[in-house]
Amino acid sequence: MAHLDFPYRFDARGRTAGTDEADHIRDLIEQVLFTHPGERVMRPDFGSGLLQLVFAPNSEVLAATTQVLVQSSLQRWLSEWIVVESVQVEAVESTLRVTVQYVIRRTGTRVAGTFVQGGGA
């Protein structure tokens, strides 16, 4: 089954670009992680609020809170698609790196994806 690619773009034939299920799920995770709640008009509670924590002082408590925030957001918005096994969050200067280990429900495929936002992509 083909899915729309994110971000929206055209392929070499001038048509809407498509992607496979695994890449589509990765795109969905990225959208949940890096969307601010309130950013989407019709879904004001969509997103994780993760980017608000980038410049907060690093501590073990903040790291644990961030991991819980990310995991709960992914479970809330994508539980139909994936089972989240683990989340690791790293904030270095203005770069945020999130590694999510998850299982695609439909296929049972285990995937580890790293998502980067900020200056050092």
Protein backbone atom coordinates (compact mmCIF):
# COMPACT_ATOMS: atom_id res chain seq x y z
CA MET A 1 0.00 0.00 0.00
CA ALA A 2 1.44 3.38 -0.99
CA HIS A 3 1.39 6.34 1.39
CA LEU A 4 2.06 10.03 0.81
CA ASP A 5 5.67 10.95 1.50
CA PHE A 6 6.47 13.60 4.08
CA PRO A 7 7.32 16.35 3.62
CA TYR A 8 4.96 16.66 0.69
CA ARG A 9 6.83 16.75 -2.62
CA PHE A 10 6.62 15.68 -6.24
CA ASP A 11 8.43 12.67 -7.67
CA ALA A 12 10.43 12.54 -10.92
CA ARG A 13 7.23 12.07 -12.93
CA GLY A 14 5.66 15.22 -11.50
CA ARG A 15 3.20 13.28 -9.35
CA THR A 16 2.72 13.29 -5.61
CA ALA A 17 5.59 11.30 -4.10
CA GLY A 18 4.68 8.08 -2.34
CA THR A 19 6.50 5.90 0.13
CA ASP A 20 6.27 2.47 1.74
CA GLU A 21 4.76 1.71 5.15
CA ALA A 22 8.05 1.68 7.10
CA ASP A 23 9.07 5.13 5.80
CA HIS A 24 5.54 6.44 6.32
CA ILE A 25 5.64 5.38 9.98
CA ARG A 26 9.04 7.06 10.38
CA ASP A 27 7.53 10.24 8.91
CA LEU A 28 4.62 10.01 11.38
CA ILE A 29 7.01 9.65 14.33
CA GLU A 30 8.96 12.69 13.18
CA GLN A 31 5.75 14.71 12.95
CA VAL A 32 4.67 13.74 16.48
CA LEU A 33 8.10 14.49 17.94
CA PHE A 34 8.71 17.87 16.35
CA THR A 35 5.23 19.41 16.26
CA HIS A 36 4.38 21.88 19.02
CA PRO A 37 0.98 21.34 20.65
CA GLY A 38 -1.22 24.13 19.33
CA GLU A 39 0.57 24.25 15.97
CA ARG A 40 -2.14 22.34 14.09
CA VAL A 41 -5.42 24.18 13.85
CA MET A 42 -7.74 21.18 13.70
CA ARG A 43 -5.73 19.14 16.24
CA PRO A 44 -4.45 21.62 18.82
CA ASP A 45 -3.29 18.87 21.19
CA PHE A 46 -1.27 17.01 18.52
CA GLY A 47 2.49 16.82 19.09
CA SER A 48 4.84 16.18 21.96
CA GLY A 49 6.12 19.53 23.23
CA LEU A 50 9.61 18.10 22.94
CA LEU A 51 11.18 21.16 21.33
CA GLN A 52 10.25 23.31 24.31
CA LEU A 53 12.73 21.30 26.38
CA VAL A 54 15.79 21.78 24.14
CA PHE A 55 17.16 24.75 26.03
CA ALA A 56 16.17 23.61 29.53
CA PRO A 57 19.10 22.86 31.84
CA ASN A 58 20.23 19.25 31.48
CA SER A 59 19.61 16.97 34.43
CA GLU A 60 18.67 13.37 35.09
CA VAL A 61 15.17 14.46 36.03
CA LEU A 62 14.74 16.37 32.76
CA ALA A 63 16.04 13.39 30.76
CA ALA A 64 13.60 11.02 32.46
CA THR A 65 10.71 13.47 32.03
CA THR A 66 11.55 13.94 28.36
CA GLN A 67 11.64 10.20 27.75
CA VAL A 68 8.23 9.76 29.38
CA LEU A 69 6.84 12.72 27.41
CA VAL A 70 8.07 11.31 24.10
CA GLN A 71 6.93 7.76 24.81
CA SER A 72 3.47 8.84 25.93
CA SER A 73 3.03 11.12 22.90
CA LEU A 74 4.02 8.35 20.51
CA GLN A 75 1.71 5.88 22.23
CA ARG A 76 -1.16 8.35 22.18
CA TRP A 77 -0.91 9.27 18.51
CA LEU A 78 0.63 6.19 16.89
CA SER A 79 -0.45 3.19 18.99
CA GLU A 80 -2.44 1.92 16.01
CA TRP A 81 0.80 1.73 13.99
CA ILE A 82 3.62 0.94 16.44
CA VAL A 83 4.60 -0.43 19.84
CA VAL A 84 7.26 1.78 21.43
CA GLU A 85 9.96 -0.27 23.15
CA SER A 86 12.42 2.43 24.21
CA VAL A 87 13.22 6.11 23.83
CA GLN A 88 16.55 7.89 24.28
CA VAL A 89 16.81 11.68 24.12
CA GLU A 90 20.04 13.67 23.79
CA ALA A 91 20.25 17.46 23.80
CA VAL A 92 23.64 18.87 22.79
CA GLU A 93 23.77 22.65 22.38
CA SER A 94 20.97 23.50 19.92
CA THR A 95 20.59 19.96 18.55
CA LEU A 96 18.07 17.45 19.77
CA ARG A 97 18.56 13.76 18.95
CA VAL A 98 15.83 11.24 19.74
CA THR A 99 16.31 7.51 19.22
CA VAL A 100 13.14 5.43 19.27
CA GLN A 101 13.06 1.65 19.19
CA TYR A 102 9.67 0.38 18.07
CA VAL A 103 7.85 -2.53 16.47
CA ILE A 104 5.60 -2.04 13.45
CA ARG A 105 2.34 -3.69 14.50
CA ARG A 106 1.25 -4.95 11.08
CA THR A 107 4.51 -6.71 10.21
CA GLY A 108 6.18 -7.29 13.59
CA THR A 109 9.34 -5.62 12.26
CA ARG A 110 11.59 -4.14 14.96
CA VAL A 111 13.03 -0.74 13.99
CA ALA A 112 15.40 1.73 15.64
CA GLY A 113 15.11 5.24 14.26
CA THR A 114 17.09 8.37 15.12
CA PHE A 115 15.41 11.74 14.65
CA VAL A 116 17.41 14.98 14.72
CA GLN A 117 16.15 18.54 15.05
CA GLY A 118 18.28 21.64 15.30
CA GLY A 119 21.67 22.98 14.32
CA GLY A 120 23.81 19.84 14.01
CA ALA A 121 21.81 17.53 11.76
